[in-house]
Amino acid sequence: MKLSIIIPHYNGEKLLYNCLQSLLNHISIKDFEIIIVDNASQDNSADKAKEKFPIINLLKAETNLGYSGGCNFGAKNAKGEYIIFLNNDTLHTKNWIEELITFLDKNPQAGAAQPKILNAINRDKFDYAGAAGGYIDKYCFPFARGRIFNTLEDDINQYEHPKKIFWASGAGFIIRRKILIKLNYFDNIYFAYMEEIDLSWRLQAMGWSIWNVPSSIIYHYGKQTIKENSFNSHYLNHRNSWILFFKNSASFEKGFLIIKRFFLDQMAAIYSILNLDYKRFIAIFCSHLWLIHNFKIILSIRKKNDLRHKNLDLIYNGSIAIDYFFKRKKYFNQIFE
C-alpha cells in the first residue's frame, strides 16, 4: 500500500465530517487507507463518521492518548509506505497529497515533508501551526516561516519554493513509515504539542532531511481540541518546550544555556502579568513544578536519547524571543533570510 492517512480525533462531529469530506473530495490516488483514532470521544462522533464514511478504518482507544499516543496507535496499525498525520480540523486542496508523495519519491534523502498551511478562516494568512515550515532556536522556542509568536504573515507567494525546514507541523505532514519505525514513533511523554518537533529533531539526527512543499496546500482551523489561551494550552506548551530542551539539546554550554532559558521563562511570566494573562502565568509556574517533580524522568529520557550528540545546522543560534519582543523582528526574513 502506498499511503496511510492517520487522523487522531477527540470529540467534534462537524469537524471530523468536514475534514473527511474534504479529504475524500481531493484525493486521486487509489492505493490508500484512512485510519481514524478515536481518543475516547464522549460525543459518539467517530461512530457517526464511520456510518457516513464506511471507507475509514476506525480504531478506538480506551482513554485519551493525546496527539502523540493517538498517532502512534494508528501508525502501528498502518500499512502504507508513507504515512500522513493529519489534524481533524483541516480542509484540503486538489493534489496536495500527490504533491507530497511525488516530492518524497523524487528526493530519497527527504524523510518527511509538510504542505503550506494556511489559516482556514482567513485564507490569505499563514496558519499558526506550521505555516510554511517550522524552525527552532537554541532555547527550544519554535517559530515558522510565516509565523513568529502571534504575528501571522499574509501569504503573498514569498515562500513558493521547496525549502529544507527543521520541523514539520503535526497539523499535516508526511513521513516514510520505515523511518517512523526506526525512530520508535512519537514520544508519548508530550501528549500534545511539540511531539512533532521532537520527532523531526531525531529524524534529522539520523541523517534525513525535512522539507516544506508549497505546491501542496491545506487549511487549518487550529486550537479546536485544546482551546486557545486555555490553561492546558499554555501549560503543555511551556512544559513540553522544556522536555524538548533537556531531551535533545546537544550542549548546555556548561549550564549557562539552562540559566538563560530559565530567565526567558521569567520574562514570559512577567509579560503575562503585565497583560493580565494569569492563566499563562500560572501555567508557567506549574510547568516548572512538573519539571522539578519529574526531573529524574527527564534525565533518564535524555540519557537514553543517543541522537542528542548531533549538532544540527537549522537550529537558530539566537533567541527568537529576544529578537521578537526587544529587537522588534516580527517576520521570518528578518531572522533567517
C-alpha atoms as a PDB file:
ATOM      1  CA  MET A   1       0.000   0.000   0.000  1.00  0.00           C
ATOM      2  CA  LYS A   2       1.295   3.458  -0.901  1.00  0.00           C
ATOM      3  CA  LEU A   3      -0.280   5.672   1.782  1.00  0.00           C
ATOM      4  CA  SER A   4      -1.874   5.596   5.217  1.00  0.00           C
ATOM      5  CA  ILE A   5      -3.633   8.749   6.459  1.00  0.00           C
ATOM      6  CA  ILE A   6      -3.934   8.869  10.240  1.00  0.00           C
ATOM      7  CA  ILE A   7      -6.303  11.304  11.950  1.00  0.00           C
ATOM      8  CA  PRO A   8      -6.356  11.367  15.763  1.00  0.00           C
ATOM      9  CA  HIS A   9      -9.751  12.515  16.987  1.00  0.00           C
ATOM     10  CA  TYR A  10     -11.342  13.682  20.217  1.00  0.00           C
ATOM     11  CA  ASN A  11     -14.924  14.982  20.017  1.00  0.00           C
ATOM     12  CA  GLY A  12     -16.285  17.277  17.323  1.00  0.00           C
ATOM     13  CA  GLU A  13     -18.654  15.619  14.872  1.00  0.00           C
ATOM     14  CA  LYS A  14     -18.783  18.537  12.441  1.00  0.00           C
ATOM     15  CA  LEU A  15     -15.008  18.984  12.403  1.00  0.00           C
ATOM     16  CA  LEU A  16     -14.385  15.346  11.590  1.00  0.00           C
ATOM     17  CA  TYR A  17     -17.157  15.197   8.988  1.00  0.00           C
ATOM     18  CA  ASN A  18     -15.867  18.297   7.181  1.00  0.00           C
ATOM     19  CA  CYS A  19     -12.289  17.021   7.299  1.00  0.00           C
ATOM     20  CA  LEU A  20     -13.184  13.616   5.842  1.00  0.00           C
ATOM     21  CA  GLN A  21     -15.493  15.048   3.197  1.00  0.00           C
ATOM     22  CA  SER A  22     -12.801  17.495   2.091  1.00  0.00           C
ATOM     23  CA  LEU A  23     -10.136  14.803   2.150  1.00  0.00           C
ATOM     24  CA  LEU A  24     -12.123  12.380   0.006  1.00  0.00           C
ATOM     25  CA  ASN A  25     -13.082  15.157  -2.411  1.00  0.00           C
ATOM     26  CA  HIS A  26      -9.434  15.974  -3.062  1.00  0.00           C
ATOM     27  CA  ILE A  27      -7.641  12.640  -3.183  1.00  0.00           C
ATOM     28  CA  SER A  28      -6.945  10.952  -6.502  1.00  0.00           C
ATOM     29  CA  ILE A  29      -4.531   8.140  -5.654  1.00  0.00           C
ATOM     30  CA  LYS A  30      -6.123   4.705  -5.378  1.00  0.00           C
ATOM     31  CA  ASP A  31      -3.831   2.821  -3.013  1.00  0.00           C
ATOM     32  CA  PHE A  32      -4.544   4.391   0.384  1.00  0.00           C
ATOM     33  CA  GLU A  33      -6.245   3.885   3.724  1.00  0.00           C
ATOM     34  CA  ILE A  34      -7.718   6.345   6.226  1.00  0.00           C
ATOM     35  CA  ILE A  35      -7.327   5.489   9.896  1.00  0.00           C
ATOM     36  CA  ILE A  36      -9.338   7.435  12.477  1.00  0.00           C
ATOM     37  CA  VAL A  37      -8.040   7.003  16.009  1.00  0.00           C
ATOM     38  CA  ASP A  38     -10.805   7.915  18.439  1.00  0.00           C
ATOM     39  CA  ASN A  39      -9.259   9.110  21.705  1.00  0.00           C
ATOM     40  CA  ALA A  40     -12.224   8.083  23.866  1.00  0.00           C
ATOM     41  CA  SER A  41     -14.561  10.750  22.492  1.00  0.00           C
ATOM     42  CA  GLN A  42     -17.700  11.381  24.518  1.00  0.00           C
ATOM     43  CA  ASP A  43     -19.980  12.513  21.684  1.00  0.00           C
ATOM     44  CA  ASN A  44     -20.140   9.369  19.541  1.00  0.00           C
ATOM     45  CA  SER A  45     -18.705  11.424  16.676  1.00  0.00           C
ATOM     46  CA  ALA A  46     -16.277   8.750  15.463  1.00  0.00           C
ATOM     47  CA  ASP A  47     -19.022   6.117  15.204  1.00  0.00           C
ATOM     48  CA  LYS A  48     -21.200   8.550  13.247  1.00  0.00           C
ATOM     49  CA  ALA A  49     -18.249   9.251  10.930  1.00  0.00           C
ATOM     50  CA  LYS A  50     -17.851   5.537  10.305  1.00  0.00           C
ATOM     51  CA  GLU A  51     -21.534   5.341   9.313  1.00  0.00           C
ATOM     52  CA  LYS A  52     -21.185   8.265   6.907  1.00  0.00           C
ATOM     53  CA  PHE A  53     -17.778   7.219   5.565  1.00  0.00           C
ATOM     54  CA  PRO A  54     -17.551   3.416   5.659  1.00  0.00           C
ATOM     55  CA  ILE A  55     -14.207   3.594   3.851  1.00  0.00           C
ATOM     56  CA  ILE A  56     -12.437   4.651   7.049  1.00  0.00           C
ATOM     57  CA  ASN A  57     -10.753   2.255   9.456  1.00  0.00           C
ATOM     58  CA  LEU A  58     -11.891   3.240  12.951  1.00  0.00           C
ATOM     59  CA  LEU A  59      -9.631   2.447  15.897  1.00  0.00           C
ATOM     60  CA  LYS A  60     -10.869   3.174  19.413  1.00  0.00           C
ATOM     61  CA  ALA A  61      -8.617   3.950  22.357  1.00  0.00           C
ATOM     62  CA  GLU A  62      -9.893   3.216  25.850  1.00  0.00           C
ATOM     63  CA  THR A  63      -8.536   6.519  27.172  1.00  0.00           C
ATOM     64  CA  ASN A  64      -7.471   9.831  25.646  1.00  0.00           C
ATOM     65  CA  LEU A  65      -3.975   9.107  24.351  1.00  0.00           C
ATOM     66  CA  GLY A  66      -3.393  12.655  23.155  1.00  0.00           C
ATOM     67  CA  TYR A  67      -1.931  13.520  19.776  1.00  0.00           C
ATOM     68  CA  SER A  68       1.259  11.532  20.236  1.00  0.00           C
ATOM     69  CA  GLY A  69      -0.377   8.411  21.629  1.00  0.00           C
ATOM     70  CA  GLY A  70      -3.248   8.508  19.155  1.00  0.00           C
ATOM     71  CA  CYS A  71      -0.894   8.869  16.200  1.00  0.00           C
ATOM     72  CA  ASN A  72       1.255   6.008  17.489  1.00  0.00           C
ATOM     73  CA  PHE A  73      -1.799   3.780  17.875  1.00  0.00           C
ATOM     74  CA  GLY A  74      -2.766   4.476  14.290  1.00  0.00           C
ATOM     75  CA  ALA A  75       0.773   4.176  12.888  1.00  0.00           C
ATOM     76  CA  LYS A  76       1.318   0.762  14.440  1.00  0.00           C
ATOM     77  CA  ASN A  77      -1.732  -0.443  12.528  1.00  0.00           C
ATOM     78  CA  ALA A  78      -0.830   1.310   9.274  1.00  0.00           C
ATOM     79  CA  LYS A  79       0.238  -0.473   6.111  1.00  0.00           C
ATOM     80  CA  GLY A  80       1.358   2.376   3.857  1.00  0.00           C
ATOM     81  CA  GLU A  81       4.844   3.067   2.562  1.00  0.00           C
ATOM     82  CA  TYR A  82       4.136   6.673   3.519  1.00  0.00           C
ATOM     83  CA  ILE A  83       2.126   7.961   6.458  1.00  0.00           C
ATOM     84  CA  ILE A  84       0.313  11.289   6.602  1.00  0.00           C
ATOM     85  CA  PHE A  85      -0.555  12.529  10.085  1.00  0.00           C
ATOM     86  CA  LEU A  86      -3.465  14.936   9.834  1.00  0.00           C
ATOM     87  CA  ASN A  87      -5.465  17.038  12.268  1.00  0.00           C
ATOM     88  CA  ASN A  88      -9.237  16.676  12.196  1.00  0.00           C
ATOM     89  CA  ASP A  89      -9.648  20.464  11.851  1.00  0.00           C
ATOM     90  CA  THR A  90      -8.069  20.691   8.401  1.00  0.00           C
ATOM     91  CA  LEU A  91      -9.510  21.308   4.940  1.00  0.00           C
ATOM     92  CA  HIS A  92      -7.762  20.353   1.735  1.00  0.00           C
ATOM     93  CA  THR A  93      -6.964  21.267  -1.855  1.00  0.00           C
ATOM     94  CA  LYS A  94      -6.582  19.389  -5.110  1.00  0.00           C
ATOM     95  CA  ASN A  95      -3.448  17.217  -5.376  1.00  0.00           C
ATOM     96  CA  TRP A  96      -1.995  18.276  -2.008  1.00  0.00           C
ATOM     97  CA  ILE A  97      -1.314  14.643  -1.140  1.00  0.00           C
ATOM     98  CA  GLU A  98       0.048  13.788  -4.581  1.00  0.00           C
ATOM     99  CA  GLU A  99       2.474  16.733  -4.414  1.00  0.00           C
ATOM    100  CA  LEU A 100       3.921  15.456  -1.119  1.00  0.00           C
ATOM    101  CA  ILE A 101       4.251  11.879  -2.352  1.00  0.00           C
ATOM    102  CA  THR A 102       5.877  12.985  -5.597  1.00  0.00           C
ATOM    103  CA  PHE A 103       8.380  15.095  -3.688  1.00  0.00           C
ATOM    104  CA  LEU A 104       9.448  12.199  -1.460  1.00  0.00           C
ATOM    105  CA  ASP A 105       9.562   9.818  -4.415  1.00  0.00           C
ATOM    106  CA  LYS A 106      11.942  12.186  -6.220  1.00  0.00           C
ATOM    107  CA  ASN A 107      14.079  13.048  -3.154  1.00  0.00           C
ATOM    108  CA  PRO A 108      15.272   9.840  -1.461  1.00  0.00           C
ATOM    109  CA  GLN A 109      17.115  11.700   1.328  1.00  0.00           C
ATOM    110  CA  ALA A 110      13.967  13.569   2.366  1.00  0.00           C
ATOM    111  CA  GLY A 111      12.437  11.739   5.299  1.00  0.00           C
ATOM    112  CA  ALA A 112       9.384  13.934   5.820  1.00  0.00           C
ATOM    113  CA  ALA A 113       7.598  16.915   4.290  1.00  0.00           C
ATOM    114  CA  GLN A 114       4.751  19.277   5.088  1.00  0.00           C
ATOM    115  CA  PRO A 115       2.385  21.298   2.895  1.00  0.00           C
ATOM    116  CA  LYS A 116       1.951  25.017   3.041  1.00  0.00           C
ATOM    117  CA  ILE A 117      -0.527  25.503   5.898  1.00  0.00           C
ATOM    118  CA  LEU A 118      -2.866  28.476   5.650  1.00  0.00           C
ATOM    119  CA  ASN A 119      -5.499  29.631   8.108  1.00  0.00           C
ATOM    120  CA  ALA A 120      -8.933  28.150   7.410  1.00  0.00           C
ATOM    121  CA  ILE A 121     -10.778  31.300   8.487  1.00  0.00           C
ATOM    122  CA  ASN A 122      -8.533  33.934   6.897  1.00  0.00           C
ATOM    123  CA  ARG A 123      -7.116  32.098   3.918  1.00  0.00           C
ATOM    124  CA  ASP A 124      -4.796  34.917   2.913  1.00  0.00           C
ATOM    125  CA  LYS A 125      -2.740  34.346   6.065  1.00  0.00           C
ATOM    126  CA  PHE A 126      -0.439  31.563   7.158  1.00  0.00           C
ATOM    127  CA  ASP A 127      -1.645  29.358   9.964  1.00  0.00           C
ATOM    128  CA  TYR A 128      -0.142  29.462  13.443  1.00  0.00           C
ATOM    129  CA  ALA A 129       0.608  25.722  13.430  1.00  0.00           C
ATOM    130  CA  GLY A 130       3.348  25.205  10.892  1.00  0.00           C
ATOM    131  CA  ALA A 131       2.818  27.924   8.266  1.00  0.00           C
ATOM    132  CA  ALA A 132       5.491  27.314   5.594  1.00  0.00           C
ATOM    133  CA  GLY A 133       7.680  25.119   7.771  1.00  0.00           C
ATOM    134  CA  GLY A 134       8.975  25.142  11.330  1.00  0.00           C
ATOM    135  CA  TYR A 135      12.261  26.209  12.917  1.00  0.00           C
ATOM    136  CA  ILE A 136      13.574  26.410  16.466  1.00  0.00           C
ATOM    137  CA  ASP A 137      16.117  28.444  18.407  1.00  0.00           C
ATOM    138  CA  LYS A 138      18.748  27.012  20.734  1.00  0.00           C
ATOM    139  CA  TYR A 139      16.459  27.541  23.736  1.00  0.00           C
ATOM    140  CA  CYS A 140      13.792  25.365  22.068  1.00  0.00           C
ATOM    141  CA  PHE A 141      11.355  28.159  21.284  1.00  0.00           C
ATOM    142  CA  PRO A 142       9.647  27.235  17.987  1.00  0.00           C
ATOM    143  CA  PHE A 143       8.734  29.578  15.149  1.00  0.00           C
ATOM    144  CA  ALA A 144       7.902  29.185  11.466  1.00  0.00           C
ATOM    145  CA  ARG A 145       8.271  30.698   8.035  1.00  0.00           C
ATOM    146  CA  GLY A 146       5.212  32.899   8.021  1.00  0.00           C
ATOM    147  CA  ARG A 147       4.614  32.946  11.793  1.00  0.00           C
ATOM    148  CA  ILE A 148       6.676  34.206  14.714  1.00  0.00           C
ATOM    149  CA  PHE A 149       4.795  34.099  18.021  1.00  0.00           C
ATOM    150  CA  ASN A 150       1.433  35.785  17.299  1.00  0.00           C
ATOM    151  CA  THR A 151       2.483  37.600  14.124  1.00  0.00           C
ATOM    152  CA  LEU A 152       0.987  35.825  11.109  1.00  0.00           C
ATOM    153  CA  GLU A 153       2.227  36.883   7.686  1.00  0.00           C
ATOM    154  CA  ASP A 154      -0.004  37.292   4.664  1.00  0.00           C
ATOM    155  CA  ASP A 155       0.693  34.689   2.005  1.00  0.00           C
ATOM    156  CA  ILE A 156       1.998  36.816  -0.888  1.00  0.00           C
ATOM    157  CA  ASN A 157       3.925  33.952  -2.511  1.00  0.00           C
ATOM    158  CA  GLN A 158       7.087  34.762  -0.559  1.00  0.00           C
ATOM    159  CA  TYR A 159       7.681  31.097   0.274  1.00  0.00           C
ATOM    160  CA  GLU A 160       6.908  29.422  -3.042  1.00  0.00           C
ATOM    161  CA  HIS A 161       9.949  27.157  -3.416  1.00  0.00           C
ATOM    162  CA  PRO A 162      10.608  23.868  -1.596  1.00  0.00           C
ATOM    163  CA  LYS A 163      12.750  24.591   1.437  1.00  0.00           C
ATOM    164  CA  LYS A 164      14.550  22.465   3.977  1.00  0.00           C
ATOM    165  CA  ILE A 165      12.986  23.082   7.394  1.00  0.00           C
ATOM    166  CA  PHE A 166      13.659  21.992  10.965  1.00  0.00           C
ATOM    167  CA  TRP A 167      10.236  20.586  11.864  1.00  0.00           C
ATOM    168  CA  ALA A 168       7.085  19.582  10.083  1.00  0.00           C
ATOM    169  CA  SER A 169       3.758  20.551  11.626  1.00  0.00           C
ATOM    170  CA  GLY A 170       1.552  17.945  13.252  1.00  0.00           C
ATOM    171  CA  ALA A 171      -1.425  19.682  11.617  1.00  0.00           C
ATOM    172  CA  GLY A 172      -0.441  17.787   8.487  1.00  0.00           C
ATOM    173  CA  PHE A 173       2.774  16.138   7.321  1.00  0.00           C
ATOM    174  CA  ILE A 174       4.033  13.057   5.503  1.00  0.00           C
ATOM    175  CA  ILE A 175       6.783  10.700   6.666  1.00  0.00           C
ATOM    176  CA  ARG A 176       8.286   7.453   5.429  1.00  0.00           C
ATOM    177  CA  ARG A 177       6.898   4.655   7.585  1.00  0.00           C
ATOM    178  CA  LYS A 178      10.261   2.868   7.750  1.00  0.00           C
ATOM    179  CA  ILE A 179      11.807   5.974   9.359  1.00  0.00           C
ATOM    180  CA  LEU A 180       8.957   6.320  11.832  1.00  0.00           C
ATOM    181  CA  ILE A 181       9.525   2.727  12.940  1.00  0.00           C
ATOM    182  CA  LYS A 182      13.283   3.311  13.348  1.00  0.00           C
ATOM    183  CA  LEU A 183      12.536   6.372  15.463  1.00  0.00           C
ATOM    184  CA  ASN A 184      10.179   4.301  17.628  1.00  0.00           C
ATOM    185  CA  TYR A 185       7.293   6.653  16.783  1.00  0.00           C
ATOM    186  CA  PHE A 186       6.337   9.786  18.730  1.00  0.00           C
ATOM    187  CA  ASP A 187       7.448  10.149  22.328  1.00  0.00           C
ATOM    188  CA  ASN A 188       4.293   9.756  24.429  1.00  0.00           C
ATOM    189  CA  ILE A 189       5.585  11.994  27.224  1.00  0.00           C
ATOM    190  CA  TYR A 190       4.481  15.077  25.254  1.00  0.00           C
ATOM    191  CA  PHE A 191       0.786  14.063  24.985  1.00  0.00           C
ATOM    192  CA  ALA A 192       0.080  17.154  22.850  1.00  0.00           C
ATOM    193  CA  TYR A 193       2.264  19.941  21.427  1.00  0.00           C
ATOM    194  CA  MET A 194       5.878  19.683  20.251  1.00  0.00           C
ATOM    195  CA  GLU A 195       5.931  15.922  19.796  1.00  0.00           C
ATOM    196  CA  GLU A 196       6.349  16.549  16.064  1.00  0.00           C
ATOM    197  CA  ILE A 197       9.352  18.803  16.770  1.00  0.00           C
ATOM    198  CA  ASP A 198      10.925  16.066  18.872  1.00  0.00           C
ATOM    199  CA  LEU A 199      10.321  13.541  16.082  1.00  0.00           C
ATOM    200  CA  SER A 200      11.725  15.949  13.474  1.00  0.00           C
ATOM    201  CA  TRP A 201      14.806  16.579  15.617  1.00  0.00           C
ATOM    202  CA  ARG A 202      15.561  12.870  15.933  1.00  0.00           C
ATOM    203  CA  LEU A 203      14.838  12.268  12.258  1.00  0.00           C
ATOM    204  CA  GLN A 204      17.459  14.839  11.241  1.00  0.00           C
ATOM    205  CA  ALA A 205      19.965  13.449  13.721  1.00  0.00           C
ATOM    206  CA  MET A 206      19.651  10.158  11.809  1.00  0.00           C
ATOM    207  CA  GLY A 207      20.720  11.958   8.633  1.00  0.00           C
ATOM    208  CA  TRP A 208      17.353  12.594   6.951  1.00  0.00           C
ATOM    209  CA  SER A 209      16.007  15.981   5.879  1.00  0.00           C
ATOM    210  CA  ILE A 210      12.568  17.616   6.234  1.00  0.00           C
ATOM    211  CA  TRP A 211      11.025  19.883   3.625  1.00  0.00           C
ATOM    212  CA  ASN A 212       8.194  22.316   3.044  1.00  0.00           C
ATOM    213  CA  VAL A 213       6.459  21.670  -0.287  1.00  0.00           C
ATOM    214  CA  PRO A 214       4.479  24.874  -1.057  1.00  0.00           C
ATOM    215  CA  SER A 215       2.736  23.411  -4.110  1.00  0.00           C
ATOM    216  CA  SER A 216       0.827  21.314  -1.552  1.00  0.00           C
ATOM    217  CA  ILE A 217      -1.695  23.400   0.413  1.00  0.00           C
ATOM    218  CA  ILE A 218      -4.062  22.691   3.293  1.00  0.00           C
ATOM    219  CA  TYR A 219      -6.149  24.931   5.572  1.00  0.00           C
ATOM    220  CA  HIS A 220      -6.159  24.610   9.344  1.00  0.00           C
ATOM    221  CA  TYR A 221      -8.572  25.963  11.962  1.00  0.00           C
ATOM    222  CA  GLY A 222      -6.352  25.198  14.940  1.00  0.00           C
ATOM    223  CA  LYS A 223      -6.899  25.078  18.703  1.00  0.00           C
ATOM    224  CA  GLN A 224     -10.072  23.015  18.426  1.00  0.00           C
ATOM    225  CA  THR A 225      -9.250  20.126  20.783  1.00  0.00           C
ATOM    226  CA  ILE A 226      -7.285  22.137  23.354  1.00  0.00           C
ATOM    227  CA  LYS A 227      -8.693  25.638  23.226  1.00  0.00           C
ATOM    228  CA  GLU A 228      -6.508  28.644  22.517  1.00  0.00           C
ATOM    229  CA  ASN A 229      -5.298  30.574  25.573  1.00  0.00           C
ATOM    230  CA  SER A 230      -6.567  27.870  27.920  1.00  0.00           C
ATOM    231  CA  PHE A 231      -4.520  26.792  30.917  1.00  0.00           C
ATOM    232  CA  ASN A 232      -3.831  23.394  29.315  1.00  0.00           C
ATOM    233  CA  SER A 233      -2.604  25.024  26.116  1.00  0.00           C
ATOM    234  CA  HIS A 234      -0.125  27.265  27.945  1.00  0.00           C
ATOM    235  CA  TYR A 235       0.926  24.551  30.371  1.00  0.00           C
ATOM    236  CA  LEU A 236       1.657  21.912  27.739  1.00  0.00           C
ATOM    237  CA  ASN A 237       3.499  24.376  25.526  1.00  0.00           C
ATOM    238  CA  HIS A 238       5.831  25.519  28.308  1.00  0.00           C
ATOM    239  CA  ARG A 239       6.301  22.087  29.857  1.00  0.00           C
ATOM    240  CA  ASN A 240       6.937  20.361  26.543  1.00  0.00           C
ATOM    241  CA  SER A 241       9.374  23.021  25.411  1.00  0.00           C
ATOM    242  CA  TRP A 242      11.464  22.238  28.495  1.00  0.00           C
ATOM    243  CA  ILE A 243      11.227  18.491  27.841  1.00  0.00           C
ATOM    244  CA  LEU A 244      12.348  19.077  24.266  1.00  0.00           C
ATOM    245  CA  PHE A 245      15.218  21.225  25.540  1.00  0.00           C
ATOM    246  CA  PHE A 246      16.518  18.707  28.066  1.00  0.00           C
ATOM    247  CA  LYS A 247      16.000  15.669  25.864  1.00  0.00           C
ATOM    248  CA  ASN A 248      17.560  16.838  22.620  1.00  0.00           C
ATOM    249  CA  SER A 249      19.939  19.773  23.110  1.00  0.00           C
ATOM    250  CA  ALA A 250      23.465  18.719  22.179  1.00  0.00           C
ATOM    251  CA  SER A 251      25.126  21.090  24.645  1.00  0.00           C
ATOM    252  CA  PHE A 252      24.009  23.247  27.539  1.00  0.00           C
ATOM    253  CA  GLU A 253      27.110  25.486  27.341  1.00  0.00           C
ATOM    254  CA  LYS A 254      28.322  24.294  30.766  1.00  0.00           C
ATOM    255  CA  GLY A 255      24.921  25.024  32.249  1.00  0.00           C
ATOM    256  CA  PHE A 256      24.670  28.645  31.117  1.00  0.00           C
ATOM    257  CA  LEU A 257      22.106  27.779  28.459  1.00  0.00           C
ATOM    258  CA  ILE A 258      19.780  26.351  31.132  1.00  0.00           C
ATOM    259  CA  ILE A 259      20.094  29.524  33.204  1.00  0.00           C
ATOM    260  CA  LYS A 260      19.403  31.707  30.175  1.00  0.00           C
ATOM    261  CA  ARG A 261      16.407  29.560  29.263  1.00  0.00           C
ATOM    262  CA  PHE A 262      15.003  29.884  32.800  1.00  0.00           C
ATOM    263  CA  PHE A 263      15.485  33.663  32.584  1.00  0.00           C
ATOM    264  CA  LEU A 264      13.471  33.732  29.345  1.00  0.00           C
ATOM    265  CA  ASP A 265      10.657  31.898  31.126  1.00  0.00           C
ATOM    266  CA  GLN A 266      10.676  34.533  33.860  1.00  0.00           C
ATOM    267  CA  MET A 267      10.389  37.206  31.199  1.00  0.00           C
ATOM    268  CA  ALA A 268       7.379  35.371  29.802  1.00  0.00           C
ATOM    269  CA  ALA A 269       5.851  35.215  33.276  1.00  0.00           C
ATOM    270  CA  ILE A 270       6.332  38.968  33.812  1.00  0.00           C
ATOM    271  CA  TYR A 271       4.888  39.667  30.352  1.00  0.00           C
ATOM    272  CA  SER A 272       1.849  37.566  31.298  1.00  0.00           C
ATOM    273  CA  ILE A 273       1.240  39.577  34.461  1.00  0.00           C
ATOM    274  CA  LEU A 274       1.594  42.889  32.618  1.00  0.00           C
ATOM    275  CA  ASN A 275      -1.025  41.682  30.127  1.00  0.00           C
ATOM    276  CA  LEU A 276      -3.277  40.308  32.886  1.00  0.00           C
ATOM    277  CA  ASP A 277      -2.842  36.834  31.388  1.00  0.00           C
ATOM    278  CA  TYR A 278      -2.981  34.964  34.675  1.00  0.00           C
ATOM    279  CA  LYS A 279      -3.673  31.590  33.055  1.00  0.00           C
ATOM    280  CA  ARG A 280      -0.323  31.726  31.284  1.00  0.00           C
ATOM    281  CA  PHE A 281       1.461  32.903  34.441  1.00  0.00           C
ATOM    282  CA  ILE A 282       0.072  30.009  36.499  1.00  0.00           C
ATOM    283  CA  ALA A 283       0.770  27.582  33.644  1.00  0.00           C
ATOM    284  CA  ILE A 284       4.447  28.608  33.549  1.00  0.00           C
ATOM    285  CA  PHE A 285       4.710  28.117  37.309  1.00  0.00           C
ATOM    286  CA  CYS A 286       3.012  24.698  37.112  1.00  0.00           C
ATOM    287  CA  SER A 287       5.254  23.590  34.251  1.00  0.00           C
ATOM    288  CA  HIS A 288       8.289  24.329  36.431  1.00  0.00           C
ATOM    289  CA  LEU A 289       6.780  22.334  39.282  1.00  0.00           C
ATOM    290  CA  TRP A 290       6.242  19.394  36.934  1.00  0.00           C
ATOM    291  CA  LEU A 291       9.880  19.539  35.816  1.00  0.00           C
ATOM    292  CA  ILE A 292      11.157  19.581  39.399  1.00  0.00           C
ATOM    293  CA  HIS A 293       8.910  16.677  40.397  1.00  0.00           C
ATOM    294  CA  ASN A 294       9.855  14.639  37.317  1.00  0.00           C
ATOM    295  CA  PHE A 295      13.496  15.627  36.959  1.00  0.00           C
ATOM    296  CA  LYS A 296      14.771  12.052  37.249  1.00  0.00           C
ATOM    297  CA  ILE A 297      12.457  11.016  34.427  1.00  0.00           C
ATOM    298  CA  ILE A 298      13.770  13.859  32.248  1.00  0.00           C
ATOM    299  CA  LEU A 299      17.381  12.857  32.923  1.00  0.00           C
ATOM    300  CA  SER A 300      16.556   9.265  32.059  1.00  0.00           C
ATOM    301  CA  ILE A 301      14.938  10.320  28.781  1.00  0.00           C
ATOM    302  CA  ARG A 302      17.991  12.390  27.863  1.00  0.00           C
ATOM    303  CA  LYS A 303      20.389   9.576  28.754  1.00  0.00           C
ATOM    304  CA  LYS A 304      18.501   7.121  26.543  1.00  0.00           C
ATOM    305  CA  ASN A 305      18.493   9.535  23.593  1.00  0.00           C
ATOM    306  CA  ASP A 306      21.646   8.546  21.708  1.00  0.00           C
ATOM    307  CA  LEU A 307      20.852  11.071  18.965  1.00  0.00           C
ATOM    308  CA  ARG A 308      21.293  14.119  21.212  1.00  0.00           C
ATOM    309  CA  HIS A 309      25.010  14.413  20.399  1.00  0.00           C
ATOM    310  CA  LYS A 310      24.258  15.591  16.878  1.00  0.00           C
ATOM    311  CA  ASN A 311      24.646  19.310  16.144  1.00  0.00           C
ATOM    312  CA  LEU A 312      22.041  20.324  13.556  1.00  0.00           C
ATOM    313  CA  ASP A 313      22.532  23.202  11.140  1.00  0.00           C
ATOM    314  CA  LEU A 314      18.997  24.584  11.118  1.00  0.00           C
ATOM    315  CA  ILE A 315      18.809  25.416  14.839  1.00  0.00           C
ATOM    316  CA  TYR A 316      18.813  29.204  15.154  1.00  0.00           C
ATOM    317  CA  ASN A 317      21.721  30.210  17.372  1.00  0.00           C
ATOM    318  CA  GLY A 318      19.999  33.278  18.811  1.00  0.00           C
ATOM    319  CA  SER A 319      16.872  33.837  20.888  1.00  0.00           C
ATOM    320  CA  ILE A 320      13.697  34.248  18.865  1.00  0.00           C
ATOM    321  CA  ALA A 321      12.013  35.743  21.964  1.00  0.00           C
ATOM    322  CA  ILE A 322      14.662  38.460  22.334  1.00  0.00           C
ATOM    323  CA  ASP A 323      14.555  39.166  18.606  1.00  0.00           C
ATOM    324  CA  TYR A 324      10.771  39.423  18.568  1.00  0.00           C
ATOM    325  CA  PHE A 325       9.986  41.295  21.770  1.00  0.00           C
ATOM    326  CA  PHE A 326      13.069  43.527  22.100  1.00  0.00           C
ATOM    327  CA  LYS A 327      14.605  43.849  18.636  1.00  0.00           C
ATOM    328  CA  ARG A 328      11.117  44.026  17.033  1.00  0.00           C
ATOM    329  CA  LYS A 329      11.894  41.424  14.392  1.00  0.00           C
ATOM    330  CA  LYS A 330       8.407  40.219  13.509  1.00  0.00           C
ATOM    331  CA  TYR A 331       8.969  38.430  10.211  1.00  0.00           C
ATOM    332  CA  PHE A 332      10.888  35.333   9.248  1.00  0.00           C
ATOM    333  CA  ASN A 333      13.015  37.051   6.607  1.00  0.00           C
ATOM    334  CA  GLN A 334      14.375  39.321   9.337  1.00  0.00           C
ATOM    335  CA  ILE A 335      15.713  36.239  11.124  1.00  0.00           C
ATOM    336  CA  PHE A 336      16.848  33.726   8.552  1.00  0.00           C
ATOM    337  CA  GLU A 337      16.703  35.171   5.037  1.00  0.00           C
END
